[in-house]
Amino acid sequence: MTILKGHYDGKTIVLDEPVPEEISADTPVQILFEGNSGESVLDRIAKLARPANLPPDFSEQDEHYVKGRPRVGRPLSAHPRPCIGTCPT
């Protein structure tokens, strides 16, 4: 295994040192991005996630809550847990 140092310029990966002569064209490569924090992508996404105080039927009725369209399917009164807080009618 040969390790070469390089950087990402925003569009392409640029090697900071020449490729050794013994490496032939079409040699498979594996690229490892070293971040400053050492956190995985999932750790960074988890930091962005935050609890939402959404109605329990939000995933079924998102068009109603976001755009004010009529409810689809069963009415909220038939839902096992009615809307939390103030809900559009």
PDB file of N, CA and C in Angstrom:
ATOM      1  N   MET A   1       0.852  -1.172   0.000  1.00  0.00           N
ATOM      2  CA  MET A   1       0.000   0.000   0.000  1.00  0.00           C
ATOM      3  C   MET A   1       0.897   1.234   0.000  1.00  0.00           C
ATOM      4  N   THR A   2       0.516   2.211  -0.811  1.00  0.00           N
ATOM      5  CA  THR A   2       1.230   3.485  -0.894  1.00  0.00           C
ATOM      6  C   THR A   2       0.304   4.589  -0.423  1.00  0.00           C
ATOM      7  N   ILE A   3       0.800   5.462   0.431  1.00  0.00           N
ATOM      8  CA  ILE A   3       0.001   6.581   0.929  1.00  0.00           C
ATOM      9  C   ILE A   3       0.553   7.867   0.345  1.00  0.00           C
ATOM     10  N   LEU A   4      -0.343   8.634  -0.293  1.00  0.00           N
ATOM     11  CA  LEU A   4       0.029   9.926  -0.842  1.00  0.00           C
ATOM     12  C   LEU A   4      -0.807  10.996  -0.162  1.00  0.00           C
ATOM     13  N   LYS A   5      -0.217  12.120   0.098  1.00  0.00           N
ATOM     14  CA  LYS A   5      -0.938  13.225   0.725  1.00  0.00           C
ATOM     15  C   LYS A   5      -1.489  14.144  -0.359  1.00  0.00           C
ATOM     16  N   GLY A   6      -2.626  14.741  -0.065  1.00  0.00           N
ATOM     17  CA  GLY A   6      -3.254  15.652  -1.000  1.00  0.00           C
ATOM     18  C   GLY A   6      -4.309  16.459  -0.282  1.00  0.00           C
ATOM     19  N   HIS A   7      -5.060  17.209  -1.040  1.00  0.00           N
ATOM     20  CA  HIS A   7      -6.132  18.016  -0.464  1.00  0.00           C
ATOM     21  C   HIS A   7      -7.266  18.139  -1.474  1.00  0.00           C
ATOM     22  N   TYR A   8      -8.418  18.522  -0.965  1.00  0.00           N
ATOM     23  CA  TYR A   8      -9.605  18.737  -1.784  1.00  0.00           C
ATOM     24  C   TYR A   8      -9.762  20.238  -1.963  1.00  0.00           C
ATOM     25  N   ASP A   9      -9.787  20.716  -3.205  1.00  0.00           N
ATOM     26  CA  ASP A   9      -9.847  22.164  -3.463  1.00  0.00           C
ATOM     27  C   ASP A   9     -11.278  22.685  -3.651  1.00  0.00           C
ATOM     28  N   GLY A  10     -12.255  21.846  -3.351  1.00  0.00           N
ATOM     29  CA  GLY A  10     -13.653  22.242  -3.520  1.00  0.00           C
ATOM     30  C   GLY A  10     -14.277  21.631  -4.757  1.00  0.00           C
ATOM     31  N   LYS A  11     -13.460  21.193  -5.690  1.00  0.00           N
ATOM     32  CA  LYS A  11     -13.962  20.562  -6.910  1.00  0.00           C
ATOM     33  C   LYS A  11     -13.286  19.222  -7.172  1.00  0.00           C
ATOM     34  N   THR A  12     -11.992  19.161  -6.984  1.00  0.00           N
ATOM     35  CA  THR A  12     -11.241  17.945  -7.271  1.00  0.00           C
ATOM     36  C   THR A  12     -10.250  17.646  -6.153  1.00  0.00           C
ATOM     37  N   ILE A  13      -9.738  16.433  -6.174  1.00  0.00           N
ATOM     38  CA  ILE A  13      -8.697  16.038  -5.237  1.00  0.00           C
ATOM     39  C   ILE A  13      -7.355  16.310  -5.909  1.00  0.00           C
ATOM     40  N   VAL A  14      -6.492  17.041  -5.214  1.00  0.00           N
ATOM     41  CA  VAL A  14      -5.192  17.444  -5.751  1.00  0.00           C
ATOM     42  C   VAL A  14      -4.106  16.780  -4.915  1.00  0.00           C
ATOM     43  N   LEU A  15      -3.225  16.046  -5.568  1.00  0.00           N
ATOM     44  CA  LEU A  15      -2.111  15.429  -4.848  1.00  0.00           C
ATOM     45  C   LEU A  15      -1.055  16.481  -4.541  1.00  0.00           C
ATOM     46  N   ASP A  16      -0.501  16.414  -3.329  1.00  0.00           N
ATOM     47  CA  ASP A  16       0.544  17.353  -2.923  1.00  0.00           C
ATOM     48  C   ASP A  16       1.939  16.814  -3.206  1.00  0.00           C
ATOM     49  N   GLU A  17       2.026  15.605  -3.695  1.00  0.00           N
ATOM     50  CA  GLU A  17       3.316  14.992  -4.005  1.00  0.00           C
ATOM     51  C   GLU A  17       3.149  14.134  -5.256  1.00  0.00           C
ATOM     52  N   PRO A  18       4.221  13.874  -5.970  1.00  0.00           N
ATOM     53  CA  PRO A  18       4.107  13.094  -7.207  1.00  0.00           C
ATOM     54  C   PRO A  18       3.778  11.625  -6.931  1.00  0.00           C
ATOM     55  N   VAL A  19       3.130  11.005  -7.898  1.00  0.00           N
ATOM     56  CA  VAL A  19       2.814   9.574  -7.807  1.00  0.00           C
ATOM     57  C   VAL A  19       4.090   8.795  -8.105  1.00  0.00           C
ATOM     58  N   PRO A  20       4.443   7.816  -7.280  1.00  0.00           N
ATOM     59  CA  PRO A  20       5.654   7.020  -7.546  1.00  0.00           C
ATOM     60  C   PRO A  20       5.576   6.324  -8.907  1.00  0.00           C
ATOM     61  N   GLU A  21       6.717   6.149  -9.518  1.00  0.00           N
ATOM     62  CA  GLU A  21       6.769   5.559 -10.866  1.00  0.00           C
ATOM     63  C   GLU A  21       6.245   4.133 -10.903  1.00  0.00           C
ATOM     64  N   GLU A  22       6.369   3.393  -9.809  1.00  0.00           N
ATOM     65  CA  GLU A  22       5.925   1.992  -9.821  1.00  0.00           C
ATOM     66  C   GLU A  22       4.397   1.848  -9.798  1.00  0.00           C
ATOM     67  N   ILE A  23       3.655   2.943  -9.615  1.00  0.00           N
ATOM     68  CA  ILE A  23       2.196   2.901  -9.649  1.00  0.00           C
ATOM     69  C   ILE A  23       1.753   3.052 -11.101  1.00  0.00           C
ATOM     70  N   SER A  24       1.048   2.042 -11.607  1.00  0.00           N
ATOM     71  CA  SER A  24       0.633   2.075 -13.010  1.00  0.00           C
ATOM     72  C   SER A  24      -0.731   2.758 -13.149  1.00  0.00           C
ATOM     73  N   ALA A  25      -1.014   3.157 -14.383  1.00  0.00           N
ATOM     74  CA  ALA A  25      -2.320   3.757 -14.679  1.00  0.00           C
ATOM     75  C   ALA A  25      -3.411   2.737 -14.393  1.00  0.00           C
ATOM     76  N   ASP A  26      -4.595   3.178 -14.085  1.00  0.00           N
ATOM     77  CA  ASP A  26      -5.754   2.339 -13.760  1.00  0.00           C
ATOM     78  C   ASP A  26      -5.595   1.554 -12.463  1.00  0.00           C
ATOM     79  N   THR A  27      -4.668   1.962 -11.603  1.00  0.00           N
ATOM     80  CA  THR A  27      -4.533   1.334 -10.292  1.00  0.00           C
ATOM     81  C   THR A  27      -5.678   1.806  -9.408  1.00  0.00           C
ATOM     82  N   PRO A  28      -6.426   0.895  -8.787  1.00  0.00           N
ATOM     83  CA  PRO A  28      -7.521   1.322  -7.905  1.00  0.00           C
ATOM     84  C   PRO A  28      -6.977   2.120  -6.720  1.00  0.00           C
ATOM     85  N   VAL A  29      -7.751   3.092  -6.292  1.00  0.00           N
ATOM     86  CA  VAL A  29      -7.350   3.923  -5.156  1.00  0.00           C
ATOM     87  C   VAL A  29      -8.481   3.960  -4.133  1.00  0.00           C
ATOM     88  N   GLN A  30      -8.112   4.266  -2.907  1.00  0.00           N
ATOM     89  CA  GLN A  30      -9.088   4.472  -1.838  1.00  0.00           C
ATOM     90  C   GLN A  30      -8.760   5.821  -1.223  1.00  0.00           C
ATOM     91  N   ILE A  31      -9.783   6.664  -1.057  1.00  0.00           N
ATOM     92  CA  ILE A  31      -9.571   8.014  -0.549  1.00  0.00           C
ATOM     93  C   ILE A  31     -10.172   8.114   0.842  1.00  0.00           C
ATOM     94  N   LEU A  32      -9.418   8.630   1.779  1.00  0.00           N
ATOM     95  CA  LEU A  32      -9.871   8.816   3.143  1.00  0.00           C
ATOM     96  C   LEU A  32      -9.816  10.301   3.453  1.00  0.00           C
ATOM     97  N   PHE A  33     -10.953  10.889   3.802  1.00  0.00           N
ATOM     98  CA  PHE A  33     -10.998  12.296   4.157  1.00  0.00           C
ATOM     99  C   PHE A  33     -10.773  12.416   5.655  1.00  0.00           C
ATOM    100  N   GLU A  34      -9.779  13.172   6.041  1.00  0.00           N
ATOM    101  CA  GLU A  34      -9.506  13.399   7.446  1.00  0.00           C
ATOM    102  C   GLU A  34     -10.114  14.729   7.842  1.00  0.00           C
ATOM    103  N   GLY A  35     -11.104  14.683   8.702  1.00  0.00           N
ATOM    104  CA  GLY A  35     -11.749  15.901   9.159  1.00  0.00           C
ATOM    105  C   GLY A  35     -10.996  16.499  10.326  1.00  0.00           C
ATOM    106  N   ASN A  36     -11.292  17.737  10.612  1.00  0.00           N
ATOM    107  CA  ASN A  36     -10.652  18.411  11.733  1.00  0.00           C
ATOM    108  C   ASN A  36     -11.146  17.878  13.069  1.00  0.00           C
ATOM    109  N   SER A  37     -12.422  17.494  13.145  1.00  0.00           N
ATOM    110  CA  SER A  37     -13.012  17.119  14.424  1.00  0.00           C
ATOM    111  C   SER A  37     -12.885  15.633  14.727  1.00  0.00           C
ATOM    112  N   GLY A  38     -12.704  14.802  13.717  1.00  0.00           N
ATOM    113  CA  GLY A  38     -12.656  13.376  13.931  1.00  0.00           C
ATOM    114  C   GLY A  38     -14.033  12.753  14.127  1.00  0.00           C
ATOM    115  N   GLU A  39     -15.090  13.548  13.967  1.00  0.00           N
ATOM    116  CA  GLU A  39     -16.447  13.045  14.114  1.00  0.00           C
ATOM    117  C   GLU A  39     -16.905  12.383  12.821  1.00  0.00           C
ATOM    118  N   SER A  40     -17.765  11.386  12.969  1.00  0.00           N
ATOM    119  CA  SER A  40     -18.339  10.764  11.783  1.00  0.00           C
ATOM    120  C   SER A  40     -19.451  11.669  11.249  1.00  0.00           C
ATOM    121  N   VAL A  41     -19.860  11.398  10.035  1.00  0.00           N
ATOM    122  CA  VAL A  41     -20.938  12.166   9.423  1.00  0.00           C
ATOM    123  C   VAL A  41     -22.216  12.016  10.248  1.00  0.00           C
ATOM    124  N   LEU A  42     -22.471  10.812  10.741  1.00  0.00           N
ATOM    125  CA  LEU A  42     -23.674  10.593  11.541  1.00  0.00           C
ATOM    126  C   LEU A  42     -23.633  11.386  12.845  1.00  0.00           C
ATOM    127  N   ASP A  43     -22.455  11.519  13.451  1.00  0.00           N
ATOM    128  CA  ASP A  43     -22.335  12.332  14.663  1.00  0.00           C
ATOM    129  C   ASP A  43     -22.665  13.791  14.365  1.00  0.00           C
ATOM    130  N   ARG A  44     -22.192  14.289  13.224  1.00  0.00           N
ATOM    131  CA  ARG A  44     -22.477  15.680  12.865  1.00  0.00           C
ATOM    132  C   ARG A  44     -23.958  15.893  12.571  1.00  0.00           C
ATOM    133  N   ILE A  45     -24.590  14.905  11.917  1.00  0.00           N
ATOM    134  CA  ILE A  45     -26.022  15.005  11.647  1.00  0.00           C
ATOM    135  C   ILE A  45     -26.801  14.968  12.956  1.00  0.00           C
ATOM    136  N   ALA A  46     -26.387  14.122  13.890  1.00  0.00           N
ATOM    137  CA  ALA A  46     -27.086  14.025  15.176  1.00  0.00           C
ATOM    138  C   ALA A  46     -27.036  15.349  15.935  1.00  0.00           C
ATOM    139  N   LYS A  47     -25.953  16.091  15.799  1.00  0.00           N
ATOM    140  CA  LYS A  47     -25.868  17.397  16.451  1.00  0.00           C
ATOM    141  C   LYS A  47     -26.877  18.379  15.859  1.00  0.00           C
ATOM    142  N   LEU A  48     -27.158  18.237  14.568  1.00  0.00           N
ATOM    143  CA  LEU A  48     -28.111  19.129  13.908  1.00  0.00           C
ATOM    144  C   LEU A  48     -29.555  18.761  14.241  1.00  0.00           C
ATOM    145  N   ALA A  49     -29.771  17.498  14.577  1.00  0.00           N
ATOM    146  CA  ALA A  49     -31.129  17.052  14.889  1.00  0.00           C
ATOM    147  C   ALA A  49     -31.558  17.660  16.224  1.00  0.00           C
ATOM    148  N   ARG A  50     -32.798  18.042  16.282  1.00  0.00           N
ATOM    149  CA  ARG A  50     -33.322  18.595  17.526  1.00  0.00           C
ATOM    150  C   ARG A  50     -34.749  18.111  17.692  1.00  0.00           C
ATOM    151  N   PRO A  51     -35.187  17.944  18.914  1.00  0.00           N
ATOM    152  CA  PRO A  51     -36.561  17.491  19.102  1.00  0.00           C
ATOM    153  C   PRO A  51     -37.537  18.526  18.572  1.00  0.00           C
ATOM    154  N   ALA A  52     -38.575  18.053  17.973  1.00  0.00           N
ATOM    155  CA  ALA A  52     -39.590  18.951  17.429  1.00  0.00           C
ATOM    156  C   ALA A  52     -40.897  18.724  18.176  1.00  0.00           C
ATOM    157  N   ASN A  53     -41.558  19.776  18.506  1.00  0.00           N
ATOM    158  CA  ASN A  53     -42.847  19.675  19.170  1.00  0.00           C
ATOM    159  C   ASN A  53     -43.926  19.673  18.096  1.00  0.00           C
ATOM    160  N   LEU A  54     -43.998  18.557  17.372  1.00  0.00           N
ATOM    161  CA  LEU A  54     -44.942  18.446  16.261  1.00  0.00           C
ATOM    162  C   LEU A  54     -46.151  17.619  16.677  1.00  0.00           C
ATOM    163  N   PRO A  55     -47.281  17.836  16.028  1.00  0.00           N
ATOM    164  CA  PRO A  55     -48.453  17.012  16.295  1.00  0.00           C
ATOM    165  C   PRO A  55     -48.143  15.550  15.973  1.00  0.00           C
ATOM    166  N   PRO A  56     -48.770  14.610  16.657  1.00  0.00           N
ATOM    167  CA  PRO A  56     -48.459  13.197  16.436  1.00  0.00           C
ATOM    168  C   PRO A  56     -48.808  12.705  15.031  1.00  0.00           C
ATOM    169  N   ASP A  57     -49.696  13.403  14.323  1.00  0.00           N
ATOM    170  CA  ASP A  57     -50.056  12.974  12.968  1.00  0.00           C
ATOM    171  C   ASP A  57     -49.360  13.826  11.900  1.00  0.00           C
ATOM    172  N   PHE A  58     -48.294  14.502  12.252  1.00  0.00           N
ATOM    173  CA  PHE A  58     -47.638  15.411  11.304  1.00  0.00           C
ATOM    174  C   PHE A  58     -47.177  14.693  10.039  1.00  0.00           C
ATOM    175  N   SER A  59     -46.603  13.497  10.177  1.00  0.00           N
ATOM    176  CA  SER A  59     -46.106  12.802   8.983  1.00  0.00           C
ATOM    177  C   SER A  59     -47.240  12.414   8.036  1.00  0.00           C
ATOM    178  N   GLU A  60     -48.425  12.153   8.591  1.00  0.00           N
ATOM    179  CA  GLU A  60     -49.566  11.802   7.746  1.00  0.00           C
ATOM    180  C   GLU A  60     -50.258  13.039   7.188  1.00  0.00           C
ATOM    181  N   GLN A  61     -50.205  14.145   7.910  1.00  0.00           N
ATOM    182  CA  GLN A  61     -50.959  15.344   7.553  1.00  0.00           C
ATOM    183  C   GLN A  61     -50.053  16.550   7.278  1.00  0.00           C
ATOM    184  N   ASP A  62     -48.851  16.329   6.786  1.00  0.00           N
ATOM    185  CA  ASP A  62     -47.913  17.437   6.593  1.00  0.00           C
ATOM    186  C   ASP A  62     -48.448  18.510   5.649  1.00  0.00           C
ATOM    187  N   GLU A  63     -49.165  18.118   4.624  1.00  0.00           N
ATOM    188  CA  GLU A  63     -49.732  19.109   3.701  1.00  0.00           C
ATOM    189  C   GLU A  63     -50.735  20.010   4.427  1.00  0.00           C
ATOM    190  N   HIS A  64     -51.433  19.446   5.397  1.00  0.00           N
ATOM    191  CA  HIS A  64     -52.405  20.229   6.167  1.00  0.00           C
ATOM    192  C   HIS A  64     -51.684  21.249   7.053  1.00  0.00           C
ATOM    193  N   TYR A  65     -50.671  20.797   7.782  1.00  0.00           N
ATOM    194  CA  TYR A  65     -49.976  21.676   8.716  1.00  0.00           C
ATOM    195  C   TYR A  65     -49.087  22.703   8.013  1.00  0.00           C
ATOM    196  N   VAL A  66     -48.436  22.302   6.946  1.00  0.00           N
ATOM    197  CA  VAL A  66     -47.498  23.200   6.265  1.00  0.00           C
ATOM    198  C   VAL A  66     -48.211  24.145   5.298  1.00  0.00           C
ATOM    199  N   LYS A  67     -49.137  23.617   4.504  1.00  0.00           N
ATOM    200  CA  LYS A  67     -49.763  24.412   3.446  1.00  0.00           C
ATOM    201  C   LYS A  67     -51.226  24.741   3.695  1.00  0.00           C
ATOM    202  N   GLY A  68     -51.792  24.242   4.797  1.00  0.00           N
ATOM    203  CA  GLY A  68     -53.173  24.550   5.116  1.00  0.00           C
ATOM    204  C   GLY A  68     -54.200  23.800   4.293  1.00  0.00           C
ATOM    205  N   ARG A  69     -53.800  22.738   3.627  1.00  0.00           N
ATOM    206  CA  ARG A  69     -54.738  21.950   2.818  1.00  0.00           C
ATOM    207  C   ARG A  69     -55.619  21.109   3.729  1.00  0.00           C
ATOM    208  N   PRO A  70     -56.762  20.651   3.212  1.00  0.00           N
ATOM    209  CA  PRO A  70     -57.652  19.806   4.031  1.00  0.00           C
ATOM    210  C   PRO A  70     -56.942  18.521   4.459  1.00  0.00           C
ATOM    211  N   ARG A  71     -57.357  18.004   5.603  1.00  0.00           N
ATOM    212  CA  ARG A  71     -56.791  16.753   6.097  1.00  0.00           C
ATOM    213  C   ARG A  71     -57.159  15.612   5.153  1.00  0.00           C
ATOM    214  N   VAL A  72     -56.302  14.622   5.101  1.00  0.00           N
ATOM    215  CA  VAL A  72     -56.578  13.422   4.316  1.00  0.00           C
ATOM    216  C   VAL A  72     -56.732  12.245   5.259  1.00  0.00           C
ATOM    217  N   GLY A  73     -57.495  11.248   4.834  1.00  0.00           N
ATOM    218  CA  GLY A  73     -57.659  10.054   5.658  1.00  0.00           C
ATOM    219  C   GLY A  73     -58.552  10.315   6.855  1.00  0.00           C
ATOM    220  N   ARG A  74     -58.199   9.679   7.951  1.00  0.00           N
ATOM    221  CA  ARG A  74     -59.032   9.791   9.144  1.00  0.00           C
ATOM    222  C   ARG A  74     -58.925  11.178   9.780  1.00  0.00           C
ATOM    223  N   PRO A  75     -59.994  11.659  10.386  1.00  0.00           N
ATOM    224  CA  PRO A  75     -59.948  12.967  11.041  1.00  0.00           C
ATOM    225  C   PRO A  75     -59.091  12.911  12.301  1.00  0.00           C
ATOM    226  N   LEU A  76     -58.633  14.058  12.746  1.00  0.00           N
ATOM    227  CA  LEU A  76     -57.775  14.116  13.924  1.00  0.00           C
ATOM    228  C   LEU A  76     -58.468  13.532  15.143  1.00  0.00           C
ATOM    229  N   SER A  77     -59.791  13.682  15.240  1.00  0.00           N
ATOM    230  CA  SER A  77     -60.508  13.145  16.387  1.00  0.00           C
ATOM    231  C   SER A  77     -60.390  11.625  16.460  1.00  0.00           C
ATOM    232  N   ALA A  78     -60.148  10.971  15.330  1.00  0.00           N
ATOM    233  CA  ALA A  78     -59.988   9.516  15.310  1.00  0.00           C
ATOM    234  C   ALA A  78     -58.554   9.109  15.618  1.00  0.00           C
ATOM    235  N   HIS A  79     -57.645  10.077  15.671  1.00  0.00           N
ATOM    236  CA  HIS A  79     -56.243   9.774  15.958  1.00  0.00           C
ATOM    237  C   HIS A  79     -56.105   9.427  17.431  1.00  0.00           C
ATOM    238  N   PRO A  80     -55.256   8.461  17.777  1.00  0.00           N
ATOM    239  CA  PRO A  80     -55.138   8.060  19.168  1.00  0.00           C
ATOM    240  C   PRO A  80     -54.693   9.174  20.114  1.00  0.00           C
ATOM    241  N   ARG A  81     -53.891  10.108  19.629  1.00  0.00           N
ATOM    242  CA  ARG A  81     -53.445  11.239  20.446  1.00  0.00           C
ATOM    243  C   ARG A  81     -53.728  12.515  19.682  1.00  0.00           C
ATOM    244  N   PRO A  82     -54.643  13.361  20.141  1.00  0.00           N
ATOM    245  CA  PRO A  82     -54.956  14.573  19.390  1.00  0.00           C
ATOM    246  C   PRO A  82     -53.797  15.546  19.345  1.00  0.00           C
ATOM    247  N   CYS A  83     -53.939  16.571  18.531  1.00  0.00           N
ATOM    248  CA  CYS A  83     -52.918  17.588  18.279  1.00  0.00           C
ATOM    249  C   CYS A  83     -52.393  18.211  19.561  1.00  0.00           C
ATOM    250  N   ILE A  84     -51.090  18.465  19.610  1.00  0.00           N
ATOM    251  CA  ILE A  84     -50.453  19.110  20.751  1.00  0.00           C
ATOM    252  C   ILE A  84     -50.351  20.609  20.438  1.00  0.00           C
ATOM    253  N   GLY A  85     -50.709  21.449  21.377  1.00  0.00           N
ATOM    254  CA  GLY A  85     -50.600  22.889  21.155  1.00  0.00           C
ATOM    255  C   GLY A  85     -51.698  23.390  20.241  1.00  0.00           C
ATOM    256  N   THR A  86     -51.429  24.475  19.554  1.00  0.00           N
ATOM    257  CA  THR A  86     -52.425  25.004  18.638  1.00  0.00           C
ATOM    258  C   THR A  86     -52.213  24.408  17.262  1.00  0.00           C
ATOM    259  N   CYS A  87     -53.258  23.880  16.712  1.00  0.00           N
ATOM    260  CA  CYS A  87     -53.190  23.243  15.399  1.00  0.00           C
ATOM    261  C   CYS A  87     -54.137  23.949  14.458  1.00  0.00           C
ATOM    262  N   PRO A  88     -53.750  24.106  13.198  1.00  0.00           N
ATOM    263  CA  PRO A  88     -54.666  24.686  12.230  1.00  0.00           C
ATOM    264  C   PRO A  88     -55.876  23.768  12.059  1.00  0.00           C
ATOM    265  N   THR A  89     -56.974  24.344  11.771  1.00  0.00           N
ATOM    266  CA  THR A  89     -58.179  23.523  11.590  1.00  0.00           C
ATOM    267  C   THR A  89     -58.420  23.213  10.147  1.00  0.00           C
TER     268      THR A  89
END
